[in-house]
């Protein structure tokens, strides 16, 4: 996609997002040159889901001012150390065992990553995450895992939901976050971000609506 198309899409998105909703540019599958174009347009926060791919881009973009890298993919335990070293924010902490592993490694590496806990609010065989009641029960343990910094919840709407159903799901996630004292919400992607924003999302993860289809 030409740089001017990227600029137009970015301007259109920014014109529709309310002040509290920040744009996380989902750059997985996009070459480093495309990210460089996005940085020139003012973007700084990028979401990646594959450690090796992200590392290569970080090397290619090392001449730029430090960027804000977010890990948004499913995190395998054996990739935890690498992800902690290369990402300041993780959106996909989906279980206690993973959180405890991240805590141990973060302490060893002297890192304080920002975490979103992934929650599963509707039946969806293709997604992982904490059930709401499970998260509430585990919360005293999860919030005490220093030096991790819990900041919010992340959820993904199952495919096939109508807009009003997605809105209710996102509202449920926002209510759960508020009950736990968490102020940030990672909700909404290219196909459903308007409903997520209506429910109070603070990070919308947008890839194809910004960059076009992945290469």
C-alpha atoms as a PDB file:
ATOM      1  CA  UNK A   1       0.000   0.000   0.000  1.00  0.00           C
ATOM      2  CA  UNK A   2       1.454   3.410  -0.942  1.00  0.00           C
ATOM      3  CA  UNK A   3       2.452   5.732   1.881  1.00  0.00           C
ATOM      4  CA  UNK A   4      -0.278   8.208   0.947  1.00  0.00           C
ATOM      5  CA  UNK A   5      -2.921   5.483   1.373  1.00  0.00           C
ATOM      6  CA  UNK A   6      -1.498   4.708   4.808  1.00  0.00           C
ATOM      7  CA  UNK A   7      -1.653   8.390   5.696  1.00  0.00           C
ATOM      8  CA  UNK A   8      -5.282   8.608   4.587  1.00  0.00           C
ATOM      9  CA  UNK A   9      -6.324   5.527   6.533  1.00  0.00           C
ATOM     10  CA  UNK A  10      -4.503   6.728   9.636  1.00  0.00           C
ATOM     11  CA  UNK A  11      -6.106  10.168   9.431  1.00  0.00           C
ATOM     12  CA  UNK A  12      -9.548   8.603   9.019  1.00  0.00           C
ATOM     13  CA  UNK A  13      -9.064   6.317  12.027  1.00  0.00           C
ATOM     14  CA  UNK A  14      -7.676   9.055  14.230  1.00  0.00           C
ATOM     15  CA  UNK A  15     -10.631  11.238  13.310  1.00  0.00           C
ATOM     16  CA  UNK A  16     -13.044   8.595  14.607  1.00  0.00           C
ATOM     17  CA  UNK A  17     -11.284   7.520  17.794  1.00  0.00           C
ATOM     18  CA  UNK A  18     -12.218   9.357  21.002  1.00  0.00           C
ATOM     19  CA  UNK A  19      -9.406  10.813  23.142  1.00  0.00           C
ATOM     20  CA  UNK A  20      -9.242   7.887  25.567  1.00  0.00           C
ATOM     21  CA  UNK A  21      -8.771   5.244  22.843  1.00  0.00           C
ATOM     22  CA  UNK A  22      -5.190   4.826  21.689  1.00  0.00           C
ATOM     23  CA  UNK A  23      -4.317   3.174  18.413  1.00  0.00           C
ATOM     24  CA  UNK A  24      -2.106   0.092  18.564  1.00  0.00           C
ATOM     25  CA  UNK A  25      -0.909  -0.484  15.013  1.00  0.00           C
ATOM     26  CA  UNK A  26      -0.926  -4.251  14.487  1.00  0.00           C
ATOM     27  CA  UNK A  27       2.157  -4.635  12.348  1.00  0.00           C
ATOM     28  CA  UNK A  28       2.514  -8.422  12.274  1.00  0.00           C
ATOM     29  CA  UNK A  29       3.049  -9.554   8.716  1.00  0.00           C
ATOM     30  CA  UNK A  30       4.093  -6.067   7.613  1.00  0.00           C
ATOM     31  CA  UNK A  31       7.681  -5.301   6.528  1.00  0.00           C
ATOM     32  CA  UNK A  32       9.854  -2.938   8.516  1.00  0.00           C
ATOM     33  CA  UNK A  33       9.681  -0.350   5.736  1.00  0.00           C
ATOM     34  CA  UNK A  34       5.913  -0.087   6.279  1.00  0.00           C
ATOM     35  CA  UNK A  35       6.464   0.520   9.987  1.00  0.00           C
ATOM     36  CA  UNK A  36       9.023   3.170   9.135  1.00  0.00           C
ATOM     37  CA  UNK A  37       6.375   4.931   7.048  1.00  0.00           C
ATOM     38  CA  UNK A  38       3.945   4.716   9.971  1.00  0.00           C
ATOM     39  CA  UNK A  39       6.515   6.189  12.358  1.00  0.00           C
ATOM     40  CA  UNK A  40       7.039   9.080   9.952  1.00  0.00           C
ATOM     41  CA  UNK A  41       3.272   9.702  10.218  1.00  0.00           C
ATOM     42  CA  UNK A  42       3.483   9.884  14.009  1.00  0.00           C
ATOM     43  CA  UNK A  43       2.736   6.325  15.134  1.00  0.00           C
ATOM     44  CA  UNK A  44       4.878   4.882  17.889  1.00  0.00           C
ATOM     45  CA  UNK A  45       3.003   1.878  19.337  1.00  0.00           C
ATOM     46  CA  UNK A  46       3.116  -1.375  17.385  1.00  0.00           C
ATOM     47  CA  UNK A  47       1.627  -4.813  18.067  1.00  0.00           C
ATOM     48  CA  UNK A  48       3.402  -8.021  17.067  1.00  0.00           C
ATOM     49  CA  UNK A  49       2.552 -11.672  17.693  1.00  0.00           C
ATOM     50  CA  UNK A  50       5.704 -13.506  16.598  1.00  0.00           C
ATOM     51  CA  UNK A  51       8.896 -12.982  18.563  1.00  0.00           C
ATOM     52  CA  UNK A  52      11.368 -13.739  15.776  1.00  0.00           C
ATOM     53  CA  UNK A  53       9.579 -11.499  13.275  1.00  0.00           C
ATOM     54  CA  UNK A  54       9.451  -8.663  15.790  1.00  0.00           C
ATOM     55  CA  UNK A  55      13.138  -8.995  16.681  1.00  0.00           C
ATOM     56  CA  UNK A  56      14.122  -8.641  13.025  1.00  0.00           C
ATOM     57  CA  UNK A  57      12.038  -5.476  12.678  1.00  0.00           C
ATOM     58  CA  UNK A  58      13.458  -4.019  15.851  1.00  0.00           C
ATOM     59  CA  UNK A  59      16.959  -4.472  14.450  1.00  0.00           C
ATOM     60  CA  UNK A  60      15.973  -2.821  11.154  1.00  0.00           C
ATOM     61  CA  UNK A  61      14.367   0.112  12.972  1.00  0.00           C
ATOM     62  CA  UNK A  62      17.081   0.560  15.591  1.00  0.00           C
ATOM     63  CA  UNK A  63      18.064   3.943  14.137  1.00  0.00           C
ATOM     64  CA  UNK A  64      14.695   5.412  15.157  1.00  0.00           C
ATOM     65  CA  UNK A  65      13.746   6.748  18.549  1.00  0.00           C
ATOM     66  CA  UNK A  66      12.728   3.862  20.854  1.00  0.00           C
ATOM     67  CA  UNK A  67       9.319   2.521  19.848  1.00  0.00           C
ATOM     68  CA  UNK A  68       6.540   1.164  22.061  1.00  0.00           C
ATOM     69  CA  UNK A  69       6.347  -2.575  21.334  1.00  0.00           C
ATOM     70  CA  UNK A  70       3.320  -4.617  22.444  1.00  0.00           C
ATOM     71  CA  UNK A  71       3.125  -8.421  22.282  1.00  0.00           C
ATOM     72  CA  UNK A  72      -0.408  -9.413  21.273  1.00  0.00           C
ATOM     73  CA  UNK A  73      -0.121 -13.068  20.243  1.00  0.00           C
ATOM     74  CA  UNK A  74      -0.567 -16.198  22.279  1.00  0.00           C
ATOM     75  CA  UNK A  75       2.514 -16.440  24.470  1.00  0.00           C
ATOM     76  CA  UNK A  76       4.193 -19.835  24.693  1.00  0.00           C
ATOM     77  CA  UNK A  77       6.049 -20.470  27.934  1.00  0.00           C
ATOM     78  CA  UNK A  78       9.345 -21.156  26.173  1.00  0.00           C
ATOM     79  CA  UNK A  79       9.200 -17.712  24.515  1.00  0.00           C
ATOM     80  CA  UNK A  80       8.575 -15.827  27.765  1.00  0.00           C
ATOM     81  CA  UNK A  81      12.130 -14.579  28.303  1.00  0.00           C
ATOM     82  CA  UNK A  82      12.510 -13.377  24.731  1.00  0.00           C
ATOM     83  CA  UNK A  83       9.171 -11.600  24.800  1.00  0.00           C
ATOM     84  CA  UNK A  84      10.032  -9.877  28.067  1.00  0.00           C
ATOM     85  CA  UNK A  85      13.331  -8.669  26.643  1.00  0.00           C
ATOM     86  CA  UNK A  86      11.773  -7.223  23.496  1.00  0.00           C
ATOM     87  CA  UNK A  87       8.324  -5.962  24.549  1.00  0.00           C
ATOM     88  CA  UNK A  88       7.316  -3.479  27.215  1.00  0.00           C
ATOM     89  CA  UNK A  89       3.656  -4.512  27.201  1.00  0.00           C
ATOM     90  CA  UNK A  90       2.060  -7.954  26.921  1.00  0.00           C
ATOM     91  CA  UNK A  91      -1.646  -8.229  26.062  1.00  0.00           C
ATOM     92  CA  UNK A  92      -2.119 -12.001  26.260  1.00  0.00           C
ATOM     93  CA  UNK A  93      -1.449 -13.318  29.772  1.00  0.00           C
ATOM     94  CA  UNK A  94      -4.058 -16.072  29.847  1.00  0.00           C
ATOM     95  CA  UNK A  95      -3.290 -18.150  32.945  1.00  0.00           C
ATOM     96  CA  UNK A  96      -1.732 -18.185  36.407  1.00  0.00           C
ATOM     97  CA  UNK A  97       1.164 -20.448  35.431  1.00  0.00           C
ATOM     98  CA  UNK A  98       2.200 -18.103  32.634  1.00  0.00           C
ATOM     99  CA  UNK A  99       1.908 -15.066  34.912  1.00  0.00           C
ATOM    100  CA  UNK A 100       4.103 -16.722  37.535  1.00  0.00           C
ATOM    101  CA  UNK A 101       6.691 -17.646  34.903  1.00  0.00           C
ATOM    102  CA  UNK A 102       6.748 -14.073  33.646  1.00  0.00           C
ATOM    103  CA  UNK A 103       7.149 -12.824  37.215  1.00  0.00           C
ATOM    104  CA  UNK A 104      10.163 -15.048  37.858  1.00  0.00           C
ATOM    105  CA  UNK A 105      11.906 -14.136  34.611  1.00  0.00           C
ATOM    106  CA  UNK A 106      11.089 -10.427  34.912  1.00  0.00           C
ATOM    107  CA  UNK A 107      12.691 -10.409  38.361  1.00  0.00           C
ATOM    108  CA  UNK A 108      15.809 -12.113  36.968  1.00  0.00           C
ATOM    109  CA  UNK A 109      15.996  -9.671  34.056  1.00  0.00           C
ATOM    110  CA  UNK A 110      15.157  -6.628  36.227  1.00  0.00           C
ATOM    111  CA  UNK A 111      12.201  -5.732  34.019  1.00  0.00           C
ATOM    112  CA  UNK A 112       8.760  -4.324  34.885  1.00  0.00           C
ATOM    113  CA  UNK A 113       6.475  -5.221  31.968  1.00  0.00           C
ATOM    114  CA  UNK A 114       2.942  -3.900  31.694  1.00  0.00           C
ATOM    115  CA  UNK A 115       0.415  -6.747  31.537  1.00  0.00           C
ATOM    116  CA  UNK A 116      -3.092  -7.186  30.225  1.00  0.00           C
ATOM    117  CA  UNK A 117      -4.855 -10.325  31.422  1.00  0.00           C
ATOM    118  CA  UNK A 118      -6.788 -12.052  28.657  1.00  0.00           C
ATOM    119  CA  UNK A 119     -10.346 -12.908  29.638  1.00  0.00           C
ATOM    120  CA  UNK A 120     -12.796 -15.230  27.948  1.00  0.00           C
ATOM    121  CA  UNK A 121     -16.289 -13.841  28.393  1.00  0.00           C
ATOM    122  CA  UNK A 122     -18.145 -16.021  25.898  1.00  0.00           C
ATOM    123  CA  UNK A 123     -17.757 -19.608  24.719  1.00  0.00           C
ATOM    124  CA  UNK A 124     -15.097 -19.734  22.004  1.00  0.00           C
ATOM    125  CA  UNK A 125     -13.131 -22.948  21.372  1.00  0.00           C
ATOM    126  CA  UNK A 126     -10.447 -21.034  19.475  1.00  0.00           C
ATOM    127  CA  UNK A 127      -9.533 -18.660  22.315  1.00  0.00           C
ATOM    128  CA  UNK A 128      -7.814 -18.986  25.667  1.00  0.00           C
ATOM    129  CA  UNK A 129      -8.132 -16.756  28.714  1.00  0.00           C
ATOM    130  CA  UNK A 130      -9.296 -16.486  32.297  1.00  0.00           C
ATOM    131  CA  UNK A 131     -12.929 -17.131  33.009  1.00  0.00           C
ATOM    132  CA  UNK A 132     -14.289 -14.084  34.894  1.00  0.00           C
ATOM    133  CA  UNK A 133     -14.900 -15.920  38.171  1.00  0.00           C
ATOM    134  CA  UNK A 134     -11.498 -17.585  37.937  1.00  0.00           C
ATOM    135  CA  UNK A 135      -9.808 -14.223  37.468  1.00  0.00           C
ATOM    136  CA  UNK A 136     -11.628 -12.753  40.455  1.00  0.00           C
ATOM    137  CA  UNK A 137     -10.571 -15.676  42.645  1.00  0.00           C
ATOM    138  CA  UNK A 138      -6.943 -15.478  41.537  1.00  0.00           C
ATOM    139  CA  UNK A 139      -6.723 -11.717  41.597  1.00  0.00           C
ATOM    140  CA  UNK A 140      -5.047 -11.385  45.033  1.00  0.00           C
ATOM    141  CA  UNK A 141      -2.222 -13.608  43.769  1.00  0.00           C
ATOM    142  CA  UNK A 142      -1.975 -12.041  40.311  1.00  0.00           C
ATOM    143  CA  UNK A 143      -1.801  -8.444  41.475  1.00  0.00           C
ATOM    144  CA  UNK A 144       1.014  -9.321  43.923  1.00  0.00           C
ATOM    145  CA  UNK A 145       3.393 -10.719  41.278  1.00  0.00           C
ATOM    146  CA  UNK A 146       6.000  -7.967  41.403  1.00  0.00           C
ATOM    147  CA  UNK A 147       7.772  -6.675  39.360  1.00  0.00           C
ATOM    148  CA  UNK A 148       4.929  -7.293  36.882  1.00  0.00           C
ATOM    149  CA  UNK A 149       2.648  -4.278  36.418  1.00  0.00           C
ATOM    150  CA  UNK A 150      -0.992  -5.295  35.814  1.00  0.00           C
ATOM    151  CA  UNK A 151      -2.694  -2.511  33.888  1.00  0.00           C
ATOM    152  CA  UNK A 152      -5.827  -3.957  32.349  1.00  0.00           C
ATOM    153  CA  UNK A 153      -7.833  -6.667  30.647  1.00  0.00           C
ATOM    154  CA  UNK A 154      -7.852  -7.846  27.062  1.00  0.00           C
ATOM    155  CA  UNK A 155     -10.609  -9.737  25.297  1.00  0.00           C
ATOM    156  CA  UNK A 156     -11.428 -10.851  21.753  1.00  0.00           C
ATOM    157  CA  UNK A 157     -15.006 -11.173  20.563  1.00  0.00           C
ATOM    158  CA  UNK A 158     -15.867 -14.570  19.026  1.00  0.00           C
ATOM    159  CA  UNK A 159     -16.602 -14.604  15.331  1.00  0.00           C
ATOM    160  CA  UNK A 160     -20.240 -14.423  14.296  1.00  0.00           C
ATOM    161  CA  UNK A 161     -21.542 -12.019  16.933  1.00  0.00           C
ATOM    162  CA  UNK A 162     -23.816  -9.157  15.964  1.00  0.00           C
ATOM    163  CA  UNK A 163     -22.753  -5.607  16.799  1.00  0.00           C
ATOM    164  CA  UNK A 164     -25.039  -5.381  19.837  1.00  0.00           C
ATOM    165  CA  UNK A 165     -23.686  -8.698  21.137  1.00  0.00           C
ATOM    166  CA  UNK A 166     -20.118  -7.477  20.744  1.00  0.00           C
ATOM    167  CA  UNK A 167     -21.008  -4.275  22.585  1.00  0.00           C
ATOM    168  CA  UNK A 168     -22.428  -6.225  25.537  1.00  0.00           C
ATOM    169  CA  UNK A 169     -19.325  -8.435  25.643  1.00  0.00           C
ATOM    170  CA  UNK A 170     -17.036  -5.404  25.716  1.00  0.00           C
ATOM    171  CA  UNK A 171     -19.191  -3.764  28.383  1.00  0.00           C
ATOM    172  CA  UNK A 172     -18.889  -6.914  30.490  1.00  0.00           C
ATOM    173  CA  UNK A 173     -15.118  -6.761  30.143  1.00  0.00           C
ATOM    174  CA  UNK A 174     -15.083  -3.102  31.163  1.00  0.00           C
ATOM    175  CA  UNK A 175     -17.201  -3.863  34.236  1.00  0.00           C
ATOM    176  CA  UNK A 176     -14.875  -6.697  35.249  1.00  0.00           C
ATOM    177  CA  UNK A 177     -11.817  -4.471  34.877  1.00  0.00           C
ATOM    178  CA  UNK A 178     -13.436  -1.766  36.994  1.00  0.00           C
ATOM    179  CA  UNK A 179     -14.269  -4.277  39.727  1.00  0.00           C
ATOM    180  CA  UNK A 180     -10.573  -5.235  39.883  1.00  0.00           C
ATOM    181  CA  UNK A 181      -9.369  -1.650  39.907  1.00  0.00           C
ATOM    182  CA  UNK A 182      -7.818  -1.850  36.436  1.00  0.00           C
ATOM    183  CA  UNK A 183      -7.960   1.236  34.269  1.00  0.00           C
ATOM    184  CA  UNK A 184      -6.992  -0.009  30.821  1.00  0.00           C
ATOM    185  CA  UNK A 185      -8.846  -2.129  28.275  1.00  0.00           C
ATOM    186  CA  UNK A 186      -7.381  -3.759  25.172  1.00  0.00           C
ATOM    187  CA  UNK A 187     -10.535  -4.393  23.139  1.00  0.00           C
ATOM    188  CA  UNK A 188     -11.499  -4.044  19.528  1.00  0.00           C
ATOM    189  CA  UNK A 189      -9.858  -4.839  16.212  1.00  0.00           C
ATOM    190  CA  UNK A 190     -10.382  -3.747  12.609  1.00  0.00           C
ATOM    191  CA  UNK A 191     -13.866  -5.299  12.380  1.00  0.00           C
ATOM    192  CA  UNK A 192     -15.288  -4.373  15.782  1.00  0.00           C
ATOM    193  CA  UNK A 193     -13.425  -1.429  17.234  1.00  0.00           C
ATOM    194  CA  UNK A 194     -16.462   0.939  17.166  1.00  0.00           C
ATOM    195  CA  UNK A 195     -18.323  -1.245  19.685  1.00  0.00           C
ATOM    196  CA  UNK A 196     -15.180  -1.616  21.808  1.00  0.00           C
ATOM    197  CA  UNK A 197     -14.679   2.139  21.918  1.00  0.00           C
ATOM    198  CA  UNK A 198     -18.306   2.657  22.937  1.00  0.00           C
ATOM    199  CA  UNK A 199     -17.658   0.297  25.846  1.00  0.00           C
ATOM    200  CA  UNK A 200     -14.589   2.248  26.967  1.00  0.00           C
ATOM    201  CA  UNK A 201     -11.627   0.575  25.291  1.00  0.00           C
ATOM    202  CA  UNK A 202      -8.327   2.394  25.837  1.00  0.00           C
ATOM    203  CA  UNK A 203      -6.342   0.406  23.231  1.00  0.00           C
ATOM    204  CA  UNK A 204      -7.740  -0.680  19.875  1.00  0.00           C
ATOM    205  CA  UNK A 205      -5.621  -3.210  17.976  1.00  0.00           C
ATOM    206  CA  UNK A 206      -5.953  -2.299  14.297  1.00  0.00           C
ATOM    207  CA  UNK A 207      -4.050  -3.961  11.483  1.00  0.00           C
ATOM    208  CA  UNK A 208      -5.820  -4.430   8.145  1.00  0.00           C
ATOM    209  CA  UNK A 209      -7.938  -1.282   8.482  1.00  0.00           C
ATOM    210  CA  UNK A 210      -4.692   0.658   8.776  1.00  0.00           C
ATOM    211  CA  UNK A 211      -2.077  -1.165   6.707  1.00  0.00           C
ATOM    212  CA  UNK A 212      -4.313  -3.124   4.361  1.00  0.00           C
ATOM    213  CA  UNK A 213      -3.988  -6.888   3.979  1.00  0.00           C
ATOM    214  CA  UNK A 214      -0.831  -8.523   5.317  1.00  0.00           C
ATOM    215  CA  UNK A 215       1.832  -9.365   2.794  1.00  0.00           C
END
